[in-house]
Amino acid sequence: MKRYKLPIAAALLAATALAGTPAAADTVLRLDEVAVGELDPAKATDYADSILMFNVYDTLVLPVQGGPGYTPHLAESWVADGTDFIFKLRDDVKFQSGNPLTAEDVVFSFDRMKALGQGLSFIFSNVESAEAIDEHTVRFNLNEPYSPFIASLVRLPIVDKKLVMENLGEGEGEMKDWGQAFLSTNSAGTGAYKVFSHNPQEETVMEKYEGYFLGIPELAPDQVRLRYGLEAATVRTLIAQGEHDISSQWLPPEVLKSLAADGAQLLTERGGGAFYIKMNTQKPPLDDVNCRLALVNAYDYAAGISMVSITDDVAQGSASTGAIPVGMFGANPAGETLSRNIEEAKRYLSECRYDPADFTLEISWIGEVPIEERYALLMQANFSEIGIKSEIKKVPWALFTEQVTKPENTPHISQIFANAVTGDPDTLLYPMYHSSAAGTWQSPEYLDDEKVDAALEKGRTATDPADREAAYSDLNDRLMEIAPTIYAYDRQSVFAASNRVKVPALSDPNKAFGLDGMGFTFRLMEMTGE
């Protein structure tokens, strides 16, 4: 039996003044994200959602700031015994409603996520049940060993059961709608910031929760205004005029470069993800591995990296060494970067059973992410050099996620940014490459490979770190061999920011969390007033 008792760490959010918001706040933080924000903890998945979750809600554990591993948060300690994990909760935590945190809230949060089956619920597929042993002790029962379990808990926001039960909407059964209508516009967490208003098409406004159990530093923003869907030109103008504080990560490199030249900060976050160019392995001609390997070798990796360079020191990506980002279990060394090889590309194409004269590849790019159009054009030029014709199609995100549910509707080539949502490679690689994951936005390859499945399953069940490392190394080798994906670059998120805000978690590697979105822990930011 292993026992863990680690120092407590912290996290979370703030808000802003609008017409109609409560009395003027002392400080307001303004930022934006491309995608709309999902406020329901059981449905949250992407970056905007993560910002909301890490600030409005708390979790049992948090990533260690500035280092590897996880530290207790709402839990003060835990005991691991095989497939059982027992957590002792803090007894000084209250929800924003004033209700005390109990083990029943943890059980309810888990049961709700599993019952709805949306968002990141797949992370907990190996968890059989959760049960309250007493008021401040909860046990999770796993149906098999699952090495990333502690890591997965950073994606289980704890919900105020009593408040939700008082606000059940229409639906069948005892739990009716599980509070979905209520939680789509209201917060029910213990987090450092509470929701004042939420319009998923425009913005979410949040305010300090003065009863936060760890306290909130005086210099943290009093309010936060998270805006959605602002155009790059609008963000550039607002920051230049001092009317915006932090951009999204999706600004084109030249806009970030211009803002930096005008005095803006460049904040960075490495969360364990990459830019993936996905190939539909079920649609001819990409059902032939030789055709896929021809594309892998024809792609100009160096040109792709130059397209996301901002300054001599800052870029939105670094050279990839393979299927697994550098630094994760199983990754190839940083020096073994991928490079273009036209002669190899032509050789593989000559071994493909399809004649290039007989097909035209469909290269798609997500309309909300303009940088992807540039990569589509780069691929079109690269592939034409070996005699492959292609057409480029702009696809809105909502349509793309619908298309990929069927292999025949999925484009030959798709582009996505993906990351390990818990910081563990299991949550990056399993949703992309396990055969059971096919038909999602993360898995438009429709890959079905026994060796890949076996390595992924060993990676999540092996308890010895060395065995996990070996499993992911084998996985990396196999993916490079069968080439379902072009690994364009390892990703680094870059944000432009005004000088009126300090963000240690996005500017000091010793204070970084290593998890996408957690750098936006507003409780740890400082408003300078400049």
Protein backbone atom coordinates (compact mmCIF):
# COMPACT_ATOMS: atom_id res chain seq x y z
CA MET A 1 0.00 0.00 0.00
CA LYS A 2 1.34 3.43 -0.96
CA ARG A 3 0.48 6.61 0.91
CA TYR A 4 0.79 10.12 -0.48
CA LYS A 5 0.66 13.31 1.52
CA LEU A 6 1.93 16.35 -0.32
CA PRO A 7 1.81 20.12 0.13
CA ILE A 8 -1.42 21.79 -0.91
CA ALA A 9 -1.35 23.79 -4.17
CA ALA A 10 -3.82 26.29 -5.63
CA ALA A 11 -5.70 27.60 -8.68
CA LEU A 12 -8.39 29.85 -10.34
CA LEU A 13 -10.39 33.00 -11.86
CA ALA A 14 -11.64 36.74 -12.01
CA ALA A 15 -14.05 39.06 -13.93
CA THR A 16 -14.81 42.46 -15.61
CA ALA A 17 -16.97 45.48 -15.79
CA LEU A 18 -19.66 45.79 -18.43
CA ALA A 19 -22.79 47.79 -18.59
CA GLY A 20 -25.08 45.98 -16.23
CA THR A 21 -22.38 44.23 -14.22
CA PRO A 22 -22.24 44.75 -10.47
CA ALA A 23 -20.56 47.70 -8.84
CA ALA A 24 -17.31 48.75 -10.47
CA ALA A 25 -14.43 46.47 -9.65
CA ASP A 26 -10.97 47.68 -8.70
CA THR A 27 -9.27 45.65 -11.42
CA VAL A 28 -10.59 43.94 -14.56
CA LEU A 29 -8.82 41.30 -16.66
CA ARG A 30 -9.92 41.01 -20.29
CA LEU A 31 -9.01 38.04 -22.47
CA ASP A 32 -10.46 36.07 -25.37
CA GLU A 33 -10.79 32.59 -26.81
CA VAL A 34 -11.82 31.44 -30.29
CA ALA A 35 -14.24 28.72 -29.25
CA VAL A 36 -17.29 29.38 -27.08
CA GLY A 37 -16.98 28.36 -23.46
CA GLU A 38 -18.83 25.34 -22.06
CA LEU A 39 -19.73 25.97 -18.43
CA ASP A 40 -21.11 22.53 -17.52
CA PRO A 41 -18.30 20.51 -15.87
CA ALA A 42 -19.57 17.24 -17.35
CA LYS A 43 -19.38 18.62 -20.89
CA ALA A 44 -16.21 20.72 -20.85
CA THR A 45 -13.50 19.59 -23.27
CA ASP A 46 -11.54 22.29 -25.06
CA TYR A 47 -9.24 25.17 -24.13
CA ALA A 48 -11.92 27.78 -23.41
CA ASP A 49 -13.77 25.24 -21.26
CA SER A 50 -10.56 24.46 -19.38
CA ILE A 51 -10.07 28.10 -18.47
CA LEU A 52 -13.54 28.14 -16.95
CA MET A 53 -13.16 24.82 -15.16
CA PHE A 54 -9.77 25.59 -13.60
CA ASN A 55 -11.12 28.80 -12.13
CA VAL A 56 -14.79 28.28 -11.27
CA TYR A 57 -14.31 24.74 -9.97
CA ASP A 58 -11.69 22.84 -7.98
CA THR A 59 -10.46 19.25 -8.21
CA LEU A 60 -9.12 16.75 -5.72
CA VAL A 61 -5.56 17.15 -7.03
CA LEU A 62 -3.57 19.62 -9.12
CA PRO A 63 -0.40 19.32 -11.19
CA VAL A 64 2.69 20.36 -9.26
CA GLN A 65 3.57 23.88 -10.28
CA GLY A 66 7.02 23.99 -11.86
CA GLY A 67 7.62 20.25 -11.69
CA PRO A 68 6.30 16.75 -12.39
CA GLY A 69 3.61 14.93 -10.47
CA TYR A 70 0.41 15.89 -8.67
CA THR A 71 -0.35 17.48 -5.33
CA PRO A 72 -3.51 17.34 -3.15
CA HIS A 73 -5.96 20.22 -3.48
CA LEU A 74 -9.53 19.60 -2.28
CA ALA A 75 -8.14 16.35 -0.96
CA GLU A 76 -5.51 16.63 1.75
CA SER A 77 -4.14 13.11 1.21
CA TRP A 78 -4.81 9.82 -0.49
CA VAL A 79 -4.09 6.13 -0.15
CA ALA A 80 -3.63 3.86 -3.18
CA ASP A 81 -4.13 0.11 -2.76
CA GLY A 82 -4.29 -1.77 -6.05
CA THR A 83 -7.49 -0.74 -7.77
CA ASP A 84 -8.83 1.23 -4.78
CA PHE A 85 -8.03 4.90 -4.12
CA ILE A 86 -9.17 6.50 -0.87
CA PHE A 87 -9.10 10.29 -0.50
CA LYS A 88 -9.35 12.31 2.68
CA LEU A 89 -10.99 15.67 1.94
CA ARG A 90 -10.20 19.00 3.52
CA ASP A 91 -12.83 20.05 6.07
CA ASP A 92 -12.51 23.81 5.53
CA VAL A 93 -13.89 24.15 1.99
CA LYS A 94 -17.21 25.75 1.11
CA PHE A 95 -18.93 26.04 -2.23
CA GLN A 96 -19.77 29.48 -3.57
CA SER A 97 -23.33 28.84 -2.35
CA GLY A 98 -22.04 28.52 1.21
CA ASN A 99 -22.67 24.76 1.32
CA PRO A 100 -19.78 22.75 2.83
CA LEU A 101 -17.81 20.36 0.63
CA THR A 102 -18.44 16.70 1.51
CA ALA A 103 -17.65 13.29 0.07
CA GLU A 104 -21.20 13.16 -1.30
CA ASP A 105 -20.36 16.06 -3.60
CA VAL A 106 -17.40 14.15 -5.01
CA VAL A 107 -19.51 11.04 -5.59
CA PHE A 108 -22.26 13.11 -7.20
CA SER A 109 -19.78 14.85 -9.52
CA PHE A 110 -18.39 11.51 -10.66
CA ASP A 111 -21.80 9.88 -11.07
CA ARG A 112 -23.09 12.87 -13.00
CA MET A 113 -20.18 12.85 -15.44
CA LYS A 114 -20.55 9.11 -16.04
CA ALA A 115 -24.33 9.31 -16.43
CA LEU A 116 -24.18 12.11 -19.01
CA GLY A 117 -21.34 10.40 -20.87
CA GLN A 118 -20.11 13.60 -22.49
CA GLY A 119 -17.04 15.82 -22.31
CA LEU A 120 -14.04 14.02 -20.85
CA SER A 121 -16.04 11.22 -19.24
CA PHE A 122 -14.08 8.67 -21.29
CA ILE A 123 -11.11 9.32 -19.00
CA PHE A 124 -12.98 7.53 -16.23
CA SER A 125 -14.00 4.45 -18.22
CA ASN A 126 -11.88 2.27 -15.90
CA VAL A 127 -13.55 3.56 -12.74
CA GLU A 128 -16.31 1.25 -11.56
CA SER A 129 -17.75 3.46 -8.83
CA ALA A 130 -17.20 6.16 -6.25
CA GLU A 131 -18.54 5.94 -2.69
CA ALA A 132 -18.60 8.14 0.39
CA ILE A 133 -17.06 6.34 3.35
CA ASP A 134 -17.81 9.20 5.71
CA GLU A 135 -18.40 12.94 5.44
CA HIS A 136 -14.83 13.70 4.36
CA THR A 137 -13.61 10.39 2.91
CA VAL A 138 -14.31 9.07 -0.57
CA ARG A 139 -13.24 5.87 -2.29
CA PHE A 140 -12.90 5.23 -6.02
CA ASN A 141 -13.12 1.61 -7.14
CA LEU A 142 -11.39 0.81 -10.43
CA ASN A 143 -12.29 -2.25 -12.47
CA GLU A 144 -8.65 -2.74 -13.49
CA PRO A 145 -5.30 -1.07 -12.85
CA TYR A 146 -5.16 2.38 -14.46
CA SER A 147 -1.84 4.14 -14.04
CA PRO A 148 -3.02 7.64 -15.06
CA PHE A 149 -5.89 7.68 -12.53
CA ILE A 150 -4.45 10.38 -10.25
CA ALA A 151 -3.67 12.50 -13.30
CA SER A 152 -7.23 12.04 -14.56
CA LEU A 153 -8.65 13.70 -11.44
CA VAL A 154 -7.55 17.13 -12.68
CA ARG A 155 -10.50 16.72 -15.06
CA LEU A 156 -13.13 15.93 -12.44
CA PRO A 157 -14.46 19.33 -11.27
CA ILE A 158 -16.35 18.95 -8.00
CA VAL A 159 -19.95 20.15 -8.14
CA ASP A 160 -22.22 21.38 -5.34
CA LYS A 161 -24.71 18.50 -5.09
CA LYS A 162 -27.20 20.30 -2.88
CA LEU A 163 -27.38 23.33 -5.15
CA VAL A 164 -27.78 21.24 -8.28
CA MET A 165 -30.48 19.07 -6.72
CA GLU A 166 -32.40 22.24 -5.90
CA ASN A 167 -32.23 23.23 -9.56
CA LEU A 168 -33.03 20.07 -11.53
CA GLY A 169 -34.69 20.74 -14.86
CA GLU A 170 -37.11 18.67 -16.88
CA GLY A 171 -36.15 15.09 -17.59
CA GLU A 172 -36.90 11.47 -16.86
CA GLY A 173 -36.06 9.57 -13.70
CA GLU A 174 -35.03 10.68 -10.25
CA MET A 175 -32.24 12.94 -11.48
CA LYS A 176 -34.32 14.48 -14.29
CA ASP A 177 -31.80 16.51 -16.39
CA TRP A 178 -28.97 16.20 -13.82
CA GLY A 179 -29.05 19.98 -13.58
CA GLN A 180 -27.84 20.49 -17.14
CA ALA A 181 -30.03 23.52 -17.80
CA PHE A 182 -28.92 25.16 -14.56
CA LEU A 183 -25.21 24.43 -14.98
CA SER A 184 -25.19 25.68 -18.56
CA THR A 185 -25.46 29.25 -17.25
CA ASN A 186 -24.58 29.04 -13.53
CA SER A 187 -21.58 27.96 -11.50
CA ALA A 188 -21.73 25.47 -8.64
CA GLY A 189 -18.10 25.14 -7.62
CA THR A 190 -15.69 25.94 -4.83
CA GLY A 191 -13.37 27.89 -7.14
CA ALA A 192 -11.71 31.22 -6.56
CA TYR A 193 -14.02 32.89 -9.09
CA LYS A 194 -17.76 32.63 -9.54
CA VAL A 195 -19.80 33.26 -12.67
CA PHE A 196 -21.69 36.53 -12.78
CA SER A 197 -23.03 36.09 -16.32
CA HIS A 198 -22.49 33.62 -19.14
CA ASN A 199 -23.33 34.10 -22.81
CA PRO A 200 -21.53 31.32 -24.70
CA GLN A 201 -21.71 33.29 -27.94
CA GLU A 202 -20.16 36.44 -26.50
CA GLU A 203 -18.49 36.27 -23.10
CA THR A 204 -18.38 34.94 -19.56
CA VAL A 205 -18.02 37.42 -16.72
CA MET A 206 -16.56 36.20 -13.42
CA GLU A 207 -15.86 37.71 -10.01
CA LYS A 208 -13.70 36.86 -7.03
CA TYR A 209 -15.23 34.47 -4.53
CA GLU A 210 -14.19 36.01 -1.24
CA GLY A 211 -14.83 32.79 0.68
CA TYR A 212 -12.23 30.81 -1.29
CA PHE A 213 -10.58 28.35 1.08
CA LEU A 214 -7.00 29.28 0.16
CA GLY A 215 -7.63 33.00 0.02
CA ILE A 216 -7.09 35.20 -3.03
CA PRO A 217 -4.12 37.60 -3.25
CA GLU A 218 -5.06 41.26 -3.29
CA LEU A 219 -3.37 41.86 -6.66
CA ALA A 220 -5.37 39.14 -8.41
CA PRO A 221 -8.03 40.58 -10.76
CA ASP A 222 -11.34 41.43 -9.14
CA GLN A 223 -13.24 40.58 -12.30
CA VAL A 224 -12.48 38.62 -15.47
CA ARG A 225 -14.14 39.04 -18.82
CA LEU A 226 -13.58 36.06 -21.13
CA ARG A 227 -14.68 37.04 -24.62
CA TYR A 228 -15.41 34.61 -27.44
CA GLY A 229 -14.82 34.71 -31.19
CA LEU A 230 -13.03 38.03 -31.57
CA GLU A 231 -11.30 38.54 -34.92
CA ALA A 232 -7.52 38.74 -34.89
CA ALA A 233 -7.62 42.33 -36.18
CA THR A 234 -9.98 43.30 -33.37
CA VAL A 235 -7.77 41.73 -30.70
CA ARG A 236 -4.71 43.46 -32.14
CA THR A 237 -6.44 46.86 -32.04
CA LEU A 238 -7.84 46.35 -28.53
CA ILE A 239 -4.46 45.36 -27.06
CA ALA A 240 -2.74 48.27 -28.83
CA GLN A 241 -5.33 50.66 -27.38
CA GLY A 242 -5.05 49.23 -23.87
CA GLU A 243 -8.56 47.79 -23.96
CA HIS A 244 -7.63 44.09 -23.85
CA ASP A 245 -5.15 42.17 -21.73
CA ILE A 246 -4.45 38.65 -23.06
CA SER A 247 -5.08 37.29 -26.54
CA SER A 248 -6.02 33.75 -27.42
CA GLN A 249 -3.32 31.40 -28.68
CA TRP A 250 -4.77 31.50 -32.20
CA LEU A 251 -3.44 34.86 -33.39
CA PRO A 252 -1.40 34.56 -36.62
CA PRO A 253 2.37 34.73 -36.02
CA GLU A 254 2.73 38.07 -37.79
CA VAL A 255 0.11 39.65 -35.52
CA LEU A 256 1.90 38.35 -32.42
CA LYS A 257 5.19 39.62 -33.82
CA SER A 258 3.72 43.06 -34.48
CA LEU A 259 2.24 43.29 -30.99
CA ALA A 260 5.54 42.25 -29.45
CA ALA A 261 7.31 44.94 -31.46
CA ASP A 262 4.85 47.46 -30.04
CA GLY A 263 5.70 46.43 -26.48
CA ALA A 264 3.28 43.61 -25.68
CA GLN A 265 4.43 40.63 -23.65
CA LEU A 266 4.60 37.20 -25.24
CA LEU A 267 3.37 34.57 -22.79
CA THR A 268 3.95 30.88 -23.48
CA GLU A 269 2.54 27.54 -22.38
CA ARG A 270 3.70 24.02 -23.20
CA GLY A 271 0.93 21.63 -22.30
CA GLY A 272 1.98 18.37 -23.90
CA GLY A 273 0.43 18.52 -27.33
CA ALA A 274 1.18 18.90 -31.01
CA PHE A 275 -0.11 19.89 -34.43
CA TYR A 276 -1.29 16.77 -36.22
CA ILE A 277 -2.02 16.32 -39.93
CA LYS A 278 -4.39 13.37 -39.95
CA MET A 279 -4.84 10.92 -42.86
CA ASN A 280 -8.03 8.91 -43.36
CA THR A 281 -6.68 5.35 -43.45
CA GLN A 282 -10.04 3.95 -44.59
CA LYS A 283 -10.42 6.05 -47.75
CA PRO A 284 -8.45 5.29 -50.94
CA PRO A 285 -5.69 6.05 -51.71
CA LEU A 286 -4.69 6.57 -48.06
CA ASP A 287 -5.74 3.06 -47.12
CA ASP A 288 -2.36 2.12 -48.64
CA VAL A 289 0.49 2.64 -46.17
CA ASN A 290 2.93 3.40 -48.99
CA CYS A 291 0.82 6.31 -50.15
CA ARG A 292 0.73 7.64 -46.58
CA LEU A 293 4.49 7.25 -46.21
CA ALA A 294 4.93 9.14 -49.49
CA LEU A 295 3.04 12.10 -47.99
CA VAL A 296 4.95 11.88 -44.69
CA ASN A 297 8.24 12.17 -46.56
CA ALA A 298 7.03 14.84 -49.01
CA TYR A 299 5.91 17.24 -46.26
CA ASP A 300 8.32 20.13 -45.61
CA TYR A 301 8.73 20.11 -41.81
CA ALA A 302 11.24 22.97 -41.71
CA ALA A 303 8.95 25.25 -43.71
CA GLY A 304 6.10 24.38 -41.38
CA ILE A 305 8.11 25.41 -38.32
CA SER A 306 9.16 28.70 -39.92
CA MET A 307 5.48 29.53 -40.44
CA VAL A 308 4.90 29.66 -36.68
CA SER A 309 8.07 31.52 -35.68
CA ILE A 310 7.37 34.84 -34.01
CA THR A 311 10.72 36.14 -32.79
CA ASP A 312 14.22 34.68 -32.64
CA ASP A 313 13.36 33.23 -29.24
CA VAL A 314 9.62 32.48 -29.39
CA ALA A 315 7.63 30.23 -31.73
CA GLN A 316 4.28 28.48 -31.66
CA GLY A 317 5.96 25.15 -32.24
CA SER A 318 9.19 23.16 -32.14
CA ALA A 319 10.45 20.37 -34.37
CA SER A 320 8.72 17.03 -33.89
CA THR A 321 10.63 13.78 -33.41
CA GLY A 322 7.68 11.49 -33.96
CA ALA A 323 4.21 10.58 -32.79
CA ILE A 324 4.84 11.55 -29.15
CA PRO A 325 5.81 15.11 -28.16
CA VAL A 326 9.33 15.52 -26.80
CA GLY A 327 9.38 15.06 -23.02
CA MET A 328 6.57 12.51 -22.79
CA PHE A 329 6.90 8.79 -22.12
CA GLY A 330 8.20 7.06 -25.25
CA ALA A 331 9.21 10.18 -27.18
CA ASN A 332 12.31 10.12 -29.35
CA PRO A 333 15.18 12.39 -28.27
CA ALA A 334 14.91 16.09 -29.13
CA GLY A 335 17.78 15.82 -31.61
CA GLU A 336 16.06 13.23 -33.80
CA THR A 337 13.78 15.68 -35.59
CA LEU A 338 11.70 14.77 -38.62
CA SER A 339 12.77 16.12 -42.01
CA ARG A 340 11.66 16.07 -45.62
CA ASN A 341 12.97 13.40 -48.02
CA ILE A 342 11.65 13.79 -51.56
CA GLU A 343 13.47 10.75 -52.91
CA GLU A 344 11.94 8.52 -50.24
CA ALA A 345 8.54 10.08 -50.95
CA LYS A 346 8.82 9.16 -54.64
CA ARG A 347 9.96 5.65 -53.79
CA TYR A 348 7.01 5.01 -51.49
CA LEU A 349 4.60 6.46 -54.04
CA SER A 350 5.96 4.09 -56.70
CA GLU A 351 5.06 1.21 -54.37
CA CYS A 352 1.51 2.48 -53.76
CA ARG A 353 -1.13 0.41 -55.54
CA TYR A 354 -2.95 3.57 -56.67
CA ASP A 355 -1.92 5.70 -59.65
CA PRO A 356 -1.64 9.41 -58.67
CA ALA A 357 -3.30 10.29 -61.97
CA ASP A 358 -6.49 8.61 -60.75
CA PHE A 359 -7.13 10.53 -57.52
CA THR A 360 -7.31 14.00 -55.98
CA LEU A 361 -6.77 14.38 -52.24
CA GLU A 362 -9.16 16.53 -50.22
CA ILE A 363 -7.18 18.67 -47.75
CA SER A 364 -9.40 20.32 -45.15
CA TRP A 365 -8.71 23.15 -42.72
CA ILE A 366 -10.79 24.44 -39.82
CA GLY A 367 -12.34 27.79 -40.67
CA GLU A 368 -11.95 29.16 -37.15
CA VAL A 369 -8.17 28.50 -37.20
CA PRO A 370 -6.74 30.58 -40.10
CA ILE A 371 -3.18 29.28 -39.69
CA GLU A 372 -4.40 25.91 -40.97
CA GLU A 373 -5.09 27.36 -44.42
CA ARG A 374 -1.38 28.07 -44.75
CA TYR A 375 -0.55 24.47 -43.94
CA ALA A 376 -3.12 23.29 -46.46
CA LEU A 377 -1.38 25.39 -49.12
CA LEU A 378 2.02 24.10 -48.01
CA MET A 379 0.82 20.50 -48.30
CA GLN A 380 -0.73 21.14 -51.68
CA ALA A 381 2.59 22.49 -52.97
CA ASN A 382 4.62 19.69 -51.35
CA PHE A 383 2.42 16.90 -52.66
CA SER A 384 2.32 18.32 -56.18
CA GLU A 385 6.11 17.95 -56.33
CA ILE A 386 5.70 14.17 -56.33
CA GLY A 387 2.75 14.22 -58.71
CA ILE A 388 -0.19 14.13 -56.28
CA LYS A 389 -3.13 16.43 -56.99
CA SER A 390 -5.18 17.95 -54.16
CA GLU A 391 -8.00 20.36 -53.47
CA ILE A 392 -8.36 22.53 -50.37
CA LYS A 393 -11.62 22.88 -48.48
CA LYS A 394 -12.44 25.23 -45.61
CA VAL A 395 -14.62 23.45 -43.04
CA PRO A 396 -16.31 25.07 -40.01
CA TRP A 397 -15.53 23.25 -36.76
CA ALA A 398 -19.14 22.17 -36.20
CA LEU A 399 -19.31 20.62 -39.67
CA PHE A 400 -15.92 18.94 -39.28
CA THR A 401 -16.95 17.20 -36.05
CA GLU A 402 -20.06 15.95 -37.84
CA GLN A 403 -18.18 14.78 -40.94
CA VAL A 404 -15.67 12.66 -39.04
CA THR A 405 -18.37 10.44 -37.55
CA LYS A 406 -18.29 8.39 -40.77
CA PRO A 407 -15.10 7.43 -42.63
CA GLU A 408 -16.67 8.00 -46.05
CA ASN A 409 -17.48 11.61 -45.10
CA THR A 410 -14.13 12.31 -43.47
CA PRO A 411 -11.67 14.27 -45.64
CA HIS A 412 -8.51 12.56 -46.86
CA ILE A 413 -6.50 14.98 -44.74
CA SER A 414 -7.57 16.85 -41.61
CA GLN A 415 -5.63 19.19 -39.33
CA ILE A 416 -6.03 19.30 -35.56
CA PHE A 417 -4.27 20.61 -32.48
CA ALA A 418 -4.45 18.08 -29.64
CA ASN A 419 -2.99 17.86 -26.18
CA ALA A 420 -2.84 15.55 -23.18
CA VAL A 421 -5.85 16.85 -21.28
CA THR A 422 -4.55 15.51 -17.96
CA GLY A 423 -0.84 15.94 -18.70
CA ASP A 424 -0.46 12.16 -19.08
CA PRO A 425 0.23 10.68 -22.55
CA ASP A 426 -2.71 8.30 -22.21
CA THR A 427 -5.16 11.16 -22.69
CA LEU A 428 -3.32 12.39 -25.77
CA LEU A 429 -2.72 9.11 -27.56
CA TYR A 430 -5.58 6.78 -26.59
CA PRO A 431 -8.34 9.09 -27.94
CA MET A 432 -6.40 9.49 -31.18
CA TYR A 433 -5.22 6.01 -32.02
CA HIS A 434 -7.12 3.29 -30.20
CA SER A 435 -9.49 1.55 -32.59
CA SER A 436 -12.42 2.23 -30.24
CA ALA A 437 -11.90 6.00 -30.62
CA ALA A 438 -12.45 6.16 -34.39
CA GLY A 439 -15.00 8.67 -35.59
CA THR A 440 -14.18 11.57 -33.29
CA TRP A 441 -12.46 14.88 -34.05
CA GLN A 442 -9.30 13.50 -32.46
CA SER A 443 -9.38 10.30 -34.49
CA PRO A 444 -10.26 11.04 -38.14
CA GLU A 445 -7.63 8.49 -39.20
CA TYR A 446 -10.00 5.60 -38.40
CA LEU A 447 -6.95 3.60 -37.44
CA ASP A 448 -7.45 -0.08 -36.57
CA ASP A 449 -4.14 -1.71 -35.68
CA GLU A 450 -3.67 -4.52 -33.16
CA LYS A 451 -0.13 -3.51 -32.21
CA VAL A 452 -1.18 0.08 -31.60
CA ASP A 453 -4.12 -1.02 -29.44
CA ALA A 454 -1.90 -3.36 -27.42
CA ALA A 455 0.69 -0.67 -26.71
CA LEU A 456 -1.99 1.83 -25.69
CA GLU A 457 -3.60 -0.66 -23.33
CA LYS A 458 -0.26 -1.55 -21.76
CA GLY A 459 0.52 2.15 -21.33
CA ARG A 460 -2.58 2.68 -19.23
CA THR A 461 -2.42 -0.52 -17.17
CA ALA A 462 1.30 -0.98 -16.44
CA THR A 463 2.17 0.19 -12.93
CA ASP A 464 5.94 0.35 -13.37
CA PRO A 465 7.01 3.64 -15.02
CA ALA A 466 9.70 1.78 -16.96
CA ASP A 467 7.07 -0.54 -18.44
CA ARG A 468 4.93 2.44 -19.39
CA GLU A 469 7.94 4.09 -21.03
CA ALA A 470 8.60 0.92 -23.05
CA ALA A 471 4.95 0.67 -24.10
CA TYR A 472 4.86 4.23 -25.41
CA SER A 473 8.22 3.80 -27.13
CA ASP A 474 6.82 0.75 -28.93
CA LEU A 475 3.72 2.76 -29.80
CA ASN A 476 5.82 5.57 -31.22
CA ASP A 477 7.77 3.15 -33.39
CA ARG A 478 4.64 1.46 -34.67
CA LEU A 479 2.91 4.74 -35.53
CA MET A 480 5.94 5.92 -37.45
CA GLU A 481 5.94 2.59 -39.32
CA ILE A 482 2.29 2.68 -40.41
CA ALA A 483 2.08 6.49 -40.80
CA PRO A 484 -1.54 7.43 -40.05
CA THR A 485 -0.43 11.01 -39.33
CA ILE A 486 2.07 13.66 -40.36
CA TYR A 487 3.61 14.97 -37.13
CA ALA A 488 4.03 18.61 -38.10
CA TYR A 489 5.41 20.06 -34.86
CA ASP A 490 5.24 19.92 -31.07
CA ARG A 491 3.05 22.73 -29.95
CA GLN A 492 3.72 25.74 -27.77
CA SER A 493 0.87 28.14 -27.14
CA VAL A 494 1.81 31.82 -27.42
CA PHE A 495 -0.34 34.68 -26.15
CA ALA A 496 0.12 38.43 -26.53
CA ALA A 497 -0.52 40.37 -23.33
CA SER A 498 -0.62 43.94 -22.13
CA ASN A 499 1.84 45.06 -19.48
CA ARG A 500 -0.89 45.65 -16.91
CA VAL A 501 -0.96 41.94 -16.06
CA LYS A 502 1.70 39.57 -14.73
CA VAL A 503 1.28 35.85 -15.32
CA PRO A 504 4.05 33.82 -13.63
CA ALA A 505 2.60 30.48 -14.76
CA LEU A 506 2.91 31.61 -18.41
CA SER A 507 6.25 33.40 -18.16
CA ASP A 508 8.38 31.51 -15.63
CA PRO A 509 9.14 27.81 -16.35
CA ASN A 510 9.64 27.26 -12.62
CA LYS A 511 5.98 28.19 -12.06
CA ALA A 512 4.42 26.48 -15.08
CA PHE A 513 1.81 23.75 -14.62
CA GLY A 514 2.50 21.70 -17.75
CA LEU A 515 -1.22 21.34 -18.44
CA ASP A 516 -3.03 23.24 -21.17
CA GLY A 517 -5.17 26.02 -19.76
CA MET A 518 -3.97 25.86 -16.17
CA GLY A 519 -1.55 28.70 -16.82
CA PHE A 520 -4.72 30.80 -16.82
CA THR A 521 -5.18 30.35 -13.10
CA PHE A 522 -6.38 33.88 -12.47
CA ARG A 523 -5.92 33.65 -8.73
CA LEU A 524 -2.18 33.51 -9.39
CA MET A 525 -2.10 36.53 -11.71
CA GLU A 526 -1.33 40.13 -10.74
CA MET A 527 -2.89 43.28 -12.13
CA THR A 528 -0.18 45.96 -12.15
CA GLY A 529 -2.39 48.93 -13.02
CA GLU A 530 0.05 50.15 -15.68
